[in-house]
Structure formats: structure tokens, C-alpha cells
N, C-alpha and C. Protein backbone atom coordinates (compact mmCIF):
# COMPACT_ATOMS: atom_id res chain seq x y z
N MET A 1 33.15 -88.13 6.70
CA MET A 1 31.89 -87.60 6.26
C MET A 1 31.20 -86.85 7.39
N SER A 2 31.32 -87.30 8.62
CA SER A 2 30.65 -86.61 9.67
C SER A 2 31.30 -85.22 9.87
N PHE A 3 32.60 -85.14 9.58
CA PHE A 3 33.30 -83.91 9.67
C PHE A 3 32.65 -82.89 8.63
N ARG A 4 32.44 -83.41 7.48
CA ARG A 4 31.83 -82.57 6.42
C ARG A 4 30.42 -82.19 6.87
N LEU A 5 29.68 -83.05 7.42
CA LEU A 5 28.38 -82.77 7.82
C LEU A 5 28.33 -81.69 8.93
N VAL A 6 29.27 -81.79 9.90
CA VAL A 6 29.36 -80.81 10.92
C VAL A 6 29.78 -79.49 10.36
N LEU A 7 30.75 -79.49 9.45
CA LEU A 7 31.22 -78.31 8.83
C LEU A 7 30.04 -77.67 8.03
N PHE A 8 29.33 -78.50 7.27
CA PHE A 8 28.20 -77.99 6.52
C PHE A 8 27.15 -77.40 7.44
N SER A 9 26.84 -78.11 8.48
CA SER A 9 25.85 -77.68 9.46
C SER A 9 26.27 -76.31 10.15
N ASP A 10 27.58 -76.25 10.51
CA ASP A 10 28.10 -75.03 11.11
C ASP A 10 28.05 -73.91 10.10
N SER A 11 28.43 -74.20 8.87
CA SER A 11 28.37 -73.15 7.79
C SER A 11 27.00 -72.71 7.52
N SER A 12 26.06 -73.66 7.46
CA SER A 12 24.66 -73.29 7.23
C SER A 12 24.12 -72.40 8.37
N ALA A 13 24.45 -72.72 9.57
CA ALA A 13 24.04 -71.87 10.77
C ALA A 13 24.64 -70.56 10.68
N ALA A 14 25.95 -70.53 10.32
CA ALA A 14 26.62 -69.17 10.21
C ALA A 14 26.02 -68.37 9.13
N ILE A 15 25.70 -69.00 7.99
CA ILE A 15 25.10 -68.23 6.88
C ILE A 15 23.76 -67.71 7.34
N LYS A 16 23.00 -68.58 8.01
CA LYS A 16 21.62 -68.22 8.46
C LYS A 16 21.74 -67.02 9.43
N ASN A 17 22.67 -67.15 10.41
CA ASN A 17 22.85 -66.07 11.34
C ASN A 17 23.26 -64.77 10.62
N LEU A 18 24.21 -64.88 9.76
CA LEU A 18 24.73 -63.69 9.03
C LEU A 18 23.64 -63.06 8.22
N THR A 19 22.80 -63.94 7.56
CA THR A 19 21.67 -63.45 6.73
C THR A 19 20.72 -62.68 7.63
N GLU A 20 20.35 -63.27 8.78
CA GLU A 20 19.39 -62.63 9.69
C GLU A 20 19.97 -61.33 10.20
N GLU A 21 21.28 -61.34 10.51
CA GLU A 21 21.96 -60.12 11.00
C GLU A 21 21.95 -59.01 9.90
N ARG A 22 22.24 -59.50 8.69
CA ARG A 22 22.27 -58.57 7.51
C ARG A 22 20.85 -57.99 7.32
N ASP A 23 19.84 -58.82 7.36
CA ASP A 23 18.50 -58.33 7.13
C ASP A 23 18.04 -57.36 8.24
N THR A 24 18.41 -57.65 9.49
CA THR A 24 18.15 -56.78 10.62
C THR A 24 18.81 -55.42 10.42
N LEU A 25 20.07 -55.49 10.03
CA LEU A 25 20.82 -54.27 9.80
C LEU A 25 20.20 -53.46 8.66
N GLN A 26 19.80 -54.19 7.60
CA GLN A 26 19.18 -53.52 6.46
C GLN A 26 17.87 -52.81 6.82
N ARG A 27 17.03 -53.51 7.65
CA ARG A 27 15.80 -52.88 8.10
C ARG A 27 16.10 -51.65 8.96
N LYS A 28 17.05 -51.76 9.86
CA LYS A 28 17.47 -50.60 10.68
C LYS A 28 17.95 -49.46 9.79
N LEU A 29 18.78 -49.81 8.77
CA LEU A 29 19.28 -48.85 7.83
C LEU A 29 18.13 -48.17 7.05
N ASP A 30 17.15 -48.97 6.65
CA ASP A 30 16.01 -48.40 5.92
C ASP A 30 15.21 -47.46 6.82
N VAL A 31 14.97 -47.85 8.11
CA VAL A 31 14.28 -46.95 9.07
C VAL A 31 15.10 -45.68 9.27
N CYS A 32 16.39 -45.84 9.44
CA CYS A 32 17.23 -44.64 9.61
C CYS A 32 17.17 -43.75 8.38
N GLY A 33 17.17 -44.34 7.22
CA GLY A 33 17.08 -43.55 6.00
C GLY A 33 15.79 -42.79 5.90
N GLU A 34 14.64 -43.48 6.26
CA GLU A 34 13.37 -42.85 6.23
C GLU A 34 13.29 -41.69 7.26
N GLN A 35 13.90 -41.96 8.46
CA GLN A 35 13.91 -40.90 9.45
C GLN A 35 14.75 -39.71 8.96
N HIS A 36 15.87 -39.99 8.33
CA HIS A 36 16.75 -38.95 7.82
C HIS A 36 15.99 -38.12 6.75
N THR A 37 15.28 -38.84 5.89
CA THR A 37 14.51 -38.16 4.84
C THR A 37 13.42 -37.27 5.44
N ALA A 38 12.72 -37.80 6.47
CA ALA A 38 11.71 -37.01 7.13
C ALA A 38 12.31 -35.77 7.78
N VAL A 39 13.44 -35.98 8.47
CA VAL A 39 14.07 -34.78 9.13
C VAL A 39 14.55 -33.80 8.09
N SER A 40 15.10 -34.34 6.95
CA SER A 40 15.60 -33.42 5.93
C SER A 40 14.43 -32.63 5.28
N ASP A 41 13.27 -33.35 5.12
CA ASP A 41 12.12 -32.70 4.55
C ASP A 41 11.60 -31.57 5.49
N ARG A 42 11.54 -31.89 6.77
CA ARG A 42 11.10 -30.93 7.77
C ARG A 42 12.04 -29.72 7.80
N TYR A 43 13.30 -30.01 7.76
CA TYR A 43 14.35 -28.97 7.77
C TYR A 43 14.21 -28.08 6.52
N ALA A 44 14.01 -28.72 5.36
CA ALA A 44 13.79 -27.97 4.11
C ALA A 44 12.60 -27.06 4.17
N ALA A 45 11.48 -27.65 4.69
CA ALA A 45 10.26 -26.83 4.84
C ALA A 45 10.44 -25.71 5.81
N LYS A 46 11.07 -25.94 7.01
CA LYS A 46 11.34 -24.89 7.96
C LYS A 46 12.20 -23.84 7.30
N THR A 47 13.25 -24.30 6.58
CA THR A 47 14.16 -23.29 5.96
C THR A 47 13.41 -22.45 4.92
N ALA A 48 12.51 -23.07 4.16
CA ALA A 48 11.73 -22.28 3.18
C ALA A 48 10.77 -21.32 3.94
N ASP A 49 10.17 -21.79 5.01
CA ASP A 49 9.32 -20.90 5.81
C ASP A 49 10.05 -19.70 6.37
N LEU A 50 11.26 -20.00 6.89
CA LEU A 50 12.05 -18.91 7.47
C LEU A 50 12.55 -17.98 6.35
N GLU A 51 12.95 -18.48 5.23
CA GLU A 51 13.34 -17.64 4.14
C GLU A 51 12.20 -16.71 3.62
N ALA A 52 10.99 -17.29 3.56
CA ALA A 52 9.87 -16.54 3.16
C ALA A 52 9.56 -15.47 4.21
N ALA A 53 9.60 -15.80 5.50
CA ALA A 53 9.38 -14.88 6.56
C ALA A 53 10.44 -13.73 6.56
N ILE A 54 11.69 -14.11 6.27
CA ILE A 54 12.78 -13.05 6.19
C ILE A 54 12.47 -12.11 5.02
N LYS A 55 12.06 -12.75 3.85
CA LYS A 55 11.80 -11.93 2.70
C LYS A 55 10.61 -11.01 2.98
N ASN A 56 9.55 -11.48 3.53
CA ASN A 56 8.37 -10.65 3.86
C ASN A 56 8.73 -9.53 4.84
N LEU A 57 9.43 -9.88 5.90
CA LEU A 57 9.82 -8.87 6.90
C LEU A 57 10.77 -7.84 6.29
N THR A 58 11.65 -8.27 5.40
CA THR A 58 12.59 -7.32 4.73
C THR A 58 11.77 -6.37 3.82
N GLU A 59 10.77 -6.89 3.14
CA GLU A 59 9.94 -6.10 2.28
C GLU A 59 9.10 -5.12 3.14
N GLU A 60 8.57 -5.60 4.24
CA GLU A 60 7.77 -4.68 5.13
C GLU A 60 8.69 -3.64 5.67
N ARG A 61 9.87 -4.00 6.15
CA ARG A 61 10.78 -3.04 6.69
C ARG A 61 11.13 -1.94 5.62
N ASP A 62 11.44 -2.39 4.43
CA ASP A 62 11.80 -1.47 3.36
C ASP A 62 10.62 -0.47 3.04
N THR A 63 9.38 -1.09 3.04
CA THR A 63 8.23 -0.21 2.79
C THR A 63 8.06 0.79 3.86
N LEU A 64 8.20 0.37 5.11
CA LEU A 64 8.07 1.26 6.26
C LEU A 64 9.17 2.36 6.22
N GLN A 65 10.43 1.95 5.82
CA GLN A 65 11.45 2.93 5.75
C GLN A 65 11.15 3.97 4.64
N ARG A 66 10.68 3.52 3.54
CA ARG A 66 10.29 4.50 2.49
C ARG A 66 9.19 5.40 2.93
N ARG A 67 8.18 4.84 3.59
CA ARG A 67 7.07 5.68 4.07
C ARG A 67 7.53 6.68 5.13
N LEU A 68 8.40 6.22 6.02
CA LEU A 68 8.99 7.09 7.02
C LEU A 68 9.77 8.22 6.43
N TYR A 69 10.58 7.88 5.39
CA TYR A 69 11.34 8.87 4.65
C TYR A 69 10.47 9.90 4.00
N VAL A 70 9.34 9.42 3.36
CA VAL A 70 8.38 10.35 2.74
C VAL A 70 7.72 11.20 3.77
N CYS A 71 7.35 10.62 4.91
CA CYS A 71 6.68 11.36 5.96
C CYS A 71 7.60 12.39 6.54
N GLU A 72 8.79 12.04 6.85
CA GLU A 72 9.73 13.04 7.39
C GLU A 72 10.02 14.17 6.44
N ASN A 73 10.23 13.81 5.17
CA ASN A 73 10.41 14.88 4.17
C ASN A 73 9.23 15.73 3.95
N ARG A 74 8.05 15.10 3.87
CA ARG A 74 6.84 15.88 3.67
C ARG A 74 6.61 16.82 4.81
N LEU A 75 6.77 16.32 6.01
CA LEU A 75 6.50 17.21 7.19
C LEU A 75 7.48 18.32 7.29
N GLN A 76 8.77 18.06 6.84
CA GLN A 76 9.76 19.08 6.88
C GLN A 76 9.50 20.18 5.83
N GLN A 77 8.78 19.80 4.75
CA GLN A 77 8.46 20.68 3.64
C GLN A 77 7.11 21.38 3.85
N GLY A 78 6.55 21.25 5.05
CA GLY A 78 5.29 21.95 5.35
C GLY A 78 4.04 21.17 5.01
N TRP A 79 4.10 19.89 4.74
CA TRP A 79 2.95 19.11 4.50
C TRP A 79 2.33 18.76 5.82
N VAL A 80 1.01 18.45 5.76
CA VAL A 80 0.28 18.06 6.95
C VAL A 80 -0.30 16.68 6.78
N LEU A 81 -0.26 15.84 7.78
CA LEU A 81 -0.74 14.48 7.73
C LEU A 81 -2.15 14.38 8.35
N PHE A 82 -3.12 13.80 7.62
CA PHE A 82 -4.45 13.59 8.13
C PHE A 82 -4.98 12.26 7.51
N GLN A 83 -5.40 11.40 8.42
CA GLN A 83 -6.00 10.09 7.93
C GLN A 83 -5.16 9.40 6.94
N ASN A 84 -3.84 9.29 7.15
CA ASN A 84 -2.93 8.62 6.30
C ASN A 84 -2.77 9.22 4.86
N ARG A 85 -3.03 10.55 4.80
CA ARG A 85 -2.77 11.26 3.52
C ARG A 85 -2.02 12.55 3.91
N TYR A 86 -1.22 13.03 2.99
CA TYR A 86 -0.47 14.30 3.13
C TYR A 86 -1.17 15.37 2.36
N TYR A 87 -1.18 16.55 2.98
CA TYR A 87 -1.77 17.76 2.33
C TYR A 87 -0.78 18.91 2.41
N TYR A 88 -0.69 19.54 1.24
CA TYR A 88 0.13 20.73 1.16
C TYR A 88 -0.73 21.94 0.89
N ILE A 89 -0.68 22.94 1.79
CA ILE A 89 -1.55 24.08 1.59
C ILE A 89 -0.59 25.27 1.19
N SER A 90 -0.80 25.80 0.01
CA SER A 90 0.07 26.78 -0.56
C SER A 90 0.04 28.10 0.23
N SER A 91 1.14 28.82 0.20
CA SER A 91 1.17 30.15 0.85
C SER A 91 0.96 31.28 -0.19
N ASP A 92 1.13 30.94 -1.45
CA ASP A 92 0.84 31.95 -2.48
C ASP A 92 -0.38 31.59 -3.29
N THR A 93 -0.71 32.39 -4.26
CA THR A 93 -1.90 32.17 -5.05
C THR A 93 -1.62 31.93 -6.50
N LYS A 94 -2.41 31.15 -7.14
CA LYS A 94 -2.29 30.90 -8.59
C LYS A 94 -3.64 30.53 -9.21
N SER A 95 -3.68 30.47 -10.51
CA SER A 95 -4.90 30.00 -11.14
C SER A 95 -5.07 28.54 -10.87
N TRP A 96 -6.28 28.02 -11.19
CA TRP A 96 -6.54 26.60 -10.97
C TRP A 96 -5.56 25.71 -11.69
N HIS A 97 -5.34 26.06 -13.01
CA HIS A 97 -4.40 25.24 -13.86
C HIS A 97 -3.00 25.34 -13.30
N ASP A 98 -2.51 26.51 -12.92
CA ASP A 98 -1.16 26.63 -12.38
C ASP A 98 -1.07 25.93 -11.00
N SER A 99 -2.12 25.97 -10.26
CA SER A 99 -2.13 25.24 -8.98
C SER A 99 -2.01 23.73 -9.18
N LYS A 100 -2.76 23.27 -10.14
CA LYS A 100 -2.70 21.85 -10.52
C LYS A 100 -1.33 21.49 -10.97
N ALA A 101 -0.71 22.31 -11.79
CA ALA A 101 0.64 22.08 -12.31
C ALA A 101 1.64 22.04 -11.17
N ASP A 102 1.44 22.90 -10.16
CA ASP A 102 2.39 22.89 -9.05
C ASP A 102 2.25 21.59 -8.28
N CYS A 103 1.03 21.13 -8.02
CA CYS A 103 0.86 19.82 -7.35
C CYS A 103 1.50 18.68 -8.21
N VAL A 104 1.29 18.68 -9.48
CA VAL A 104 1.89 17.65 -10.33
C VAL A 104 3.37 17.68 -10.28
N GLN A 105 3.94 18.89 -10.23
CA GLN A 105 5.39 19.01 -10.14
C GLN A 105 5.91 18.46 -8.80
N LYS A 106 5.08 18.42 -7.79
CA LYS A 106 5.43 17.88 -6.47
C LYS A 106 5.13 16.36 -6.47
N GLY A 107 4.68 15.85 -7.57
CA GLY A 107 4.40 14.39 -7.57
C GLY A 107 3.02 14.02 -7.03
N THR A 108 2.12 15.00 -6.97
CA THR A 108 0.79 14.86 -6.40
C THR A 108 -0.29 15.38 -7.32
N ASP A 109 -1.42 15.75 -6.82
CA ASP A 109 -2.41 16.48 -7.60
C ASP A 109 -3.27 17.28 -6.58
N LEU A 110 -4.14 18.15 -7.15
CA LEU A 110 -5.03 18.88 -6.28
C LEU A 110 -5.91 17.91 -5.48
N VAL A 111 -6.32 18.35 -4.36
CA VAL A 111 -7.05 17.44 -3.39
C VAL A 111 -8.41 17.01 -3.96
N ILE A 112 -8.68 15.71 -3.70
CA ILE A 112 -9.98 15.11 -4.00
C ILE A 112 -10.62 14.86 -2.62
N ILE A 113 -11.78 15.42 -2.42
CA ILE A 113 -12.44 15.36 -1.13
C ILE A 113 -13.42 14.17 -1.11
N ASN A 114 -13.12 13.18 -0.29
CA ASN A 114 -13.95 11.93 -0.29
C ASN A 114 -14.87 11.79 0.86
N SER A 115 -14.82 12.65 1.89
CA SER A 115 -15.63 12.48 3.03
C SER A 115 -15.88 13.77 3.79
N LYS A 116 -16.87 13.70 4.63
CA LYS A 116 -17.26 14.90 5.46
C LYS A 116 -16.03 15.22 6.42
N GLU A 117 -15.38 14.18 6.91
CA GLU A 117 -14.28 14.37 7.81
C GLU A 117 -13.14 15.12 7.10
N GLU A 118 -12.87 14.69 5.89
CA GLU A 118 -11.80 15.40 5.07
C GLU A 118 -12.21 16.81 4.81
N GLN A 119 -13.42 17.01 4.44
CA GLN A 119 -13.95 18.39 4.19
C GLN A 119 -13.78 19.28 5.36
N ASN A 120 -14.14 18.78 6.59
CA ASN A 120 -14.07 19.54 7.83
C ASN A 120 -12.58 19.77 8.17
N PHE A 121 -11.70 18.81 7.91
CA PHE A 121 -10.29 19.04 8.16
C PHE A 121 -9.70 20.17 7.27
N LEU A 122 -10.07 20.19 5.99
CA LEU A 122 -9.58 21.18 5.12
C LEU A 122 -10.14 22.61 5.43
N ARG A 123 -11.30 22.65 5.96
CA ARG A 123 -11.87 23.92 6.33
C ARG A 123 -11.10 24.60 7.45
N LYS A 124 -10.42 23.85 8.25
CA LYS A 124 -9.69 24.42 9.41
C LYS A 124 -8.56 25.31 8.95
N PHE A 125 -8.13 25.27 7.72
CA PHE A 125 -6.99 26.13 7.30
C PHE A 125 -7.49 27.52 6.97
N GLN A 126 -8.80 27.74 6.97
CA GLN A 126 -9.41 29.01 6.86
C GLN A 126 -8.85 29.86 5.65
N LYS A 127 -8.80 29.27 4.54
CA LYS A 127 -8.34 29.88 3.27
C LYS A 127 -9.29 29.49 2.18
N ARG A 128 -9.45 30.42 1.22
CA ARG A 128 -10.15 30.08 -0.02
C ARG A 128 -9.03 29.29 -0.82
N VAL A 129 -9.41 28.09 -1.20
CA VAL A 129 -8.42 27.21 -1.84
C VAL A 129 -9.04 26.48 -3.00
N TRP A 130 -8.23 26.34 -4.06
CA TRP A 130 -8.64 25.43 -5.13
C TRP A 130 -8.61 23.99 -4.65
N ILE A 131 -9.63 23.28 -5.18
CA ILE A 131 -9.64 21.80 -4.93
C ILE A 131 -9.59 21.15 -6.33
N GLY A 132 -9.42 19.86 -6.36
CA GLY A 132 -9.27 19.17 -7.63
C GLY A 132 -10.55 18.87 -8.40
N LEU A 133 -11.42 19.83 -8.46
CA LEU A 133 -12.74 19.70 -9.06
C LEU A 133 -12.88 20.66 -10.22
N LYS A 134 -13.30 20.15 -11.41
CA LYS A 134 -13.48 20.92 -12.63
C LYS A 134 -14.68 20.45 -13.39
N GLU A 135 -15.32 21.46 -14.00
CA GLU A 135 -16.53 21.14 -14.84
C GLU A 135 -16.06 21.04 -16.32
N THR A 136 -16.46 19.99 -16.97
CA THR A 136 -16.23 19.81 -18.34
C THR A 136 -17.52 19.38 -19.01
N GLU A 137 -18.03 20.26 -19.97
CA GLU A 137 -19.26 19.96 -20.69
C GLU A 137 -20.43 19.69 -19.72
N GLY A 138 -20.52 20.48 -18.68
CA GLY A 138 -21.62 20.38 -17.69
C GLY A 138 -21.52 19.25 -16.64
N VAL A 139 -20.37 18.54 -16.70
CA VAL A 139 -20.17 17.46 -15.72
C VAL A 139 -18.98 17.83 -14.84
N TRP A 140 -19.23 17.83 -13.48
CA TRP A 140 -18.14 18.02 -12.53
C TRP A 140 -17.39 16.75 -12.27
N LYS A 141 -16.08 16.86 -12.47
CA LYS A 141 -15.21 15.71 -12.32
C LYS A 141 -13.95 16.05 -11.46
N TRP A 142 -13.44 15.04 -10.71
CA TRP A 142 -12.24 15.26 -10.00
C TRP A 142 -11.04 15.12 -10.94
N VAL A 143 -9.87 15.57 -10.51
CA VAL A 143 -8.68 15.47 -11.32
C VAL A 143 -8.25 14.08 -11.75
N ASP A 144 -8.72 13.10 -10.99
CA ASP A 144 -8.42 11.68 -11.46
C ASP A 144 -9.44 11.16 -12.49
N GLY A 145 -10.39 12.01 -12.87
CA GLY A 145 -11.34 11.56 -13.92
C GLY A 145 -12.64 11.02 -13.36
N THR A 146 -12.74 10.83 -12.05
CA THR A 146 -13.99 10.30 -11.47
C THR A 146 -15.09 11.44 -11.35
N GLN A 147 -16.30 11.06 -11.67
CA GLN A 147 -17.35 12.03 -11.59
C GLN A 147 -17.70 12.33 -10.10
N LEU A 148 -18.07 13.53 -9.84
CA LEU A 148 -18.41 14.02 -8.51
C LEU A 148 -19.65 13.26 -8.07
N SER A 149 -19.59 12.69 -6.84
CA SER A 149 -20.77 12.06 -6.28
C SER A 149 -21.13 12.68 -5.00
N LYS A 150 -20.26 12.73 -4.05
CA LYS A 150 -20.45 13.37 -2.70
C LYS A 150 -19.98 14.82 -2.83
N SER A 151 -20.83 15.78 -2.50
CA SER A 151 -20.42 17.15 -2.64
C SER A 151 -20.79 18.00 -1.45
N PHE A 152 -20.14 19.15 -1.33
CA PHE A 152 -20.33 20.08 -0.24
C PHE A 152 -20.53 21.51 -0.81
N TRP A 153 -21.39 21.62 -1.85
CA TRP A 153 -21.63 22.89 -2.46
C TRP A 153 -22.37 23.82 -1.47
N MET A 154 -22.05 25.03 -1.54
CA MET A 154 -22.82 26.11 -0.81
C MET A 154 -24.23 26.11 -1.46
N PRO A 155 -25.28 26.35 -0.70
CA PRO A 155 -26.63 26.39 -1.32
C PRO A 155 -26.61 27.35 -2.52
N GLY A 156 -27.20 26.89 -3.61
CA GLY A 156 -27.26 27.69 -4.89
C GLY A 156 -26.06 27.56 -5.79
N GLU A 157 -25.06 26.79 -5.34
CA GLU A 157 -23.84 26.55 -6.13
C GLU A 157 -23.91 25.13 -6.64
N PRO A 158 -23.21 24.83 -7.80
CA PRO A 158 -22.56 25.72 -8.68
C PRO A 158 -23.58 26.49 -9.53
N ASN A 159 -23.25 27.74 -9.87
CA ASN A 159 -24.24 28.57 -10.53
C ASN A 159 -23.78 29.41 -11.66
N ASN A 160 -22.46 29.39 -12.05
CA ASN A 160 -21.95 30.30 -13.15
C ASN A 160 -22.46 31.74 -12.89
N TYR A 161 -22.17 32.29 -11.75
CA TYR A 161 -22.69 33.60 -11.26
C TYR A 161 -22.46 34.65 -12.39
N GLU A 162 -23.46 35.40 -12.62
CA GLU A 162 -23.49 36.50 -13.64
C GLU A 162 -23.01 35.98 -15.01
N ASP A 163 -23.39 34.77 -15.25
CA ASP A 163 -23.12 34.13 -16.58
C ASP A 163 -21.60 33.98 -16.85
N LYS A 164 -20.77 34.01 -15.79
CA LYS A 164 -19.35 33.82 -15.96
C LYS A 164 -19.12 32.32 -16.20
N ASP A 165 -18.05 32.04 -16.85
CA ASP A 165 -17.62 30.69 -17.08
C ASP A 165 -16.87 30.15 -15.79
N GLU A 166 -17.63 29.64 -14.81
CA GLU A 166 -17.07 29.22 -13.56
C GLU A 166 -16.97 27.66 -13.58
N ASP A 167 -15.80 27.19 -14.05
CA ASP A 167 -15.60 25.79 -14.30
C ASP A 167 -14.73 25.08 -13.29
N CYS A 168 -14.22 25.85 -12.26
CA CYS A 168 -13.35 25.24 -11.28
C CYS A 168 -13.88 25.34 -9.89
N GLY A 169 -13.54 24.31 -9.06
CA GLY A 169 -14.13 24.24 -7.71
C GLY A 169 -13.14 24.78 -6.67
N GLU A 170 -13.67 25.40 -5.70
CA GLU A 170 -12.89 25.97 -4.54
C GLU A 170 -13.65 25.75 -3.29
N ILE A 171 -12.92 25.73 -2.14
CA ILE A 171 -13.52 25.84 -0.80
C ILE A 171 -13.51 27.34 -0.59
N ARG A 172 -14.67 27.94 -0.58
CA ARG A 172 -14.75 29.45 -0.43
C ARG A 172 -15.22 29.75 1.02
N TYR A 173 -16.30 29.15 1.44
CA TYR A 173 -16.85 29.42 2.75
C TYR A 173 -16.43 28.45 3.78
N TYR A 174 -15.25 28.60 4.28
CA TYR A 174 -14.61 27.61 5.16
C TYR A 174 -15.28 27.62 6.56
N ASP A 175 -16.14 28.61 6.83
CA ASP A 175 -16.82 28.64 8.13
C ASP A 175 -18.09 27.79 8.15
N GLN A 176 -18.40 27.11 7.06
CA GLN A 176 -19.54 26.19 7.05
C GLN A 176 -19.15 24.96 6.22
N GLU A 177 -19.78 23.85 6.60
CA GLU A 177 -19.39 22.55 6.01
C GLU A 177 -19.71 22.58 4.52
N ASP A 178 -20.85 23.06 4.08
CA ASP A 178 -21.19 23.16 2.67
C ASP A 178 -20.74 24.45 2.17
N GLY A 179 -19.39 24.52 1.84
CA GLY A 179 -18.80 25.79 1.48
C GLY A 179 -18.16 25.84 0.14
N TRP A 180 -18.40 24.83 -0.73
CA TRP A 180 -17.82 24.88 -2.13
C TRP A 180 -18.50 25.93 -2.96
N ASN A 181 -17.65 26.43 -3.86
CA ASN A 181 -18.13 27.44 -4.83
C ASN A 181 -17.50 27.18 -6.14
N ASP A 182 -18.26 27.48 -7.26
CA ASP A 182 -17.61 27.38 -8.60
C ASP A 182 -17.05 28.77 -8.88
N GLU A 183 -15.98 28.76 -9.60
CA GLU A 183 -15.17 30.02 -9.76
C GLU A 183 -14.51 30.01 -11.17
N PRO A 184 -14.30 31.17 -11.77
CA PRO A 184 -13.52 31.12 -13.04
C PRO A 184 -12.09 30.60 -12.73
N CYS A 185 -11.66 29.70 -13.66
CA CYS A 185 -10.40 28.99 -13.41
C CYS A 185 -9.13 29.91 -13.34
N ASP A 186 -9.25 31.10 -13.94
CA ASP A 186 -8.09 32.01 -13.95
C ASP A 186 -8.00 32.85 -12.68
N THR A 187 -8.97 32.75 -11.76
CA THR A 187 -8.90 33.48 -10.53
C THR A 187 -7.69 32.98 -9.74
N GLN A 188 -7.11 33.86 -9.01
CA GLN A 188 -5.91 33.51 -8.17
C GLN A 188 -6.36 33.14 -6.76
N HIS A 189 -6.03 31.88 -6.37
CA HIS A 189 -6.34 31.44 -5.04
C HIS A 189 -5.18 30.54 -4.48
N ASN A 190 -5.21 30.33 -3.20
CA ASN A 190 -4.35 29.27 -2.63
C ASN A 190 -4.86 27.95 -3.15
N TRP A 191 -4.14 26.90 -2.91
CA TRP A 191 -4.55 25.58 -3.32
C TRP A 191 -4.09 24.50 -2.35
N ILE A 192 -4.64 23.31 -2.47
CA ILE A 192 -4.25 22.17 -1.61
C ILE A 192 -3.90 20.98 -2.50
N CYS A 193 -2.68 20.47 -2.30
CA CYS A 193 -2.27 19.26 -2.97
C CYS A 193 -2.49 18.09 -2.01
N GLU A 194 -2.70 16.93 -2.52
CA GLU A 194 -2.99 15.70 -1.69
C GLU A 194 -2.17 14.56 -2.19
N GLN A 195 -1.58 13.84 -1.21
CA GLN A 195 -0.81 12.59 -1.64
C GLN A 195 -1.05 11.53 -0.63
N ALA A 196 -1.29 10.30 -1.11
CA ALA A 196 -1.33 9.18 -0.25
C ALA A 196 0.12 8.75 0.06
N PRO A 197 0.42 8.25 1.25
CA PRO A 197 1.82 7.88 1.57
C PRO A 197 2.23 6.66 0.77
């Protein structure tokens, strides 16, 4: 009987030791699993951040390449860059409508003048040029449909001089800031197309 008691006592101690060892190993395994999950989550987040950064940089690069391509082509075709916009100044003359059609064929439109700086830049070409301004039913509007607000009319203009139907806008007096004039739309002038890059 004492042998059985010793064997039972030894077995109980062994079971207790094995149970404690098992529990310790299980706790360590749980901690290791939590650490693995945390590392995996951080890795996944970093991977997602890097993939988003790569996507954004790729899109920015592609946009810059397209803009550079447009810039190089525009400049080779005689366009001029000013304040992040391209301007084409014609070498021949056409009516206002034909000038507008030429700009549209180039993927642009007649120039819309938004500032004194832009007006002064365009005056430097020293040509009478059509701009994207037209009168319809007594209201002057730009080619994009917006109503004229800031203007650079020559004093006394627009005036339908000698009762002519002068419904199209031009830069006539390029030697002065306020040099716009209204003119019959079938008059032949140079013109300026404008395009944002």
C-alpha cells in the first residue's frame, strides 16, 4: 500500500508539474500569438500605406508626364506659357467666329481675360486680336458663358460705332491697359486661344 501511495504521490506531483508547465507554455504561446497578430497588423497597415503612397506617386508622375508632354508640344507649336496657361497668337486673320472655330479645333477656345496681369501680358504681342468676348441681346459674355465682370474697355467703348452691329470683343489699343473695342464679328483680325495645362 505504501508503494501505491508513493506512486500516487509521485504521479500527482508529475501531473501538477506537467499541468503548470503546460499552462506556462500556453500563456507564452498566447503572448507570442498576440505579438504575432500585432506585428502582422502593423505590417498590413504599413503595406497599405506604402501601396497608397506608390499609387499616389504614380498618379502624380503620370499627371506631370502628361503636363510636360502638353507643354513641350504646345511650345513647339508656337504656344506661349504665362501664369500656368498656354496662349496661341495667330499669324493670320479671320472673323471672330472662324477664330473661335480655330481655337476649338485646337482643343481650346478664345482667350478669357481674368486679370490686369493677363491683360497686360496679352498687350505685349502688339496686335489687334479677337478675344473670347461676345455681346448677345445687350449682354457681354465670355465664350464659357460667364457674364463679363472685370473689363478693360477703351473709354467710350463698347459703342456700336456708327450704328454698326459690333458684337465681338477685341484688344485694339494694345499701347494702353484699357484697350478693348467692340467690332463687327466678320472683321478679319488675329486671335488668341487660351488653354489651361
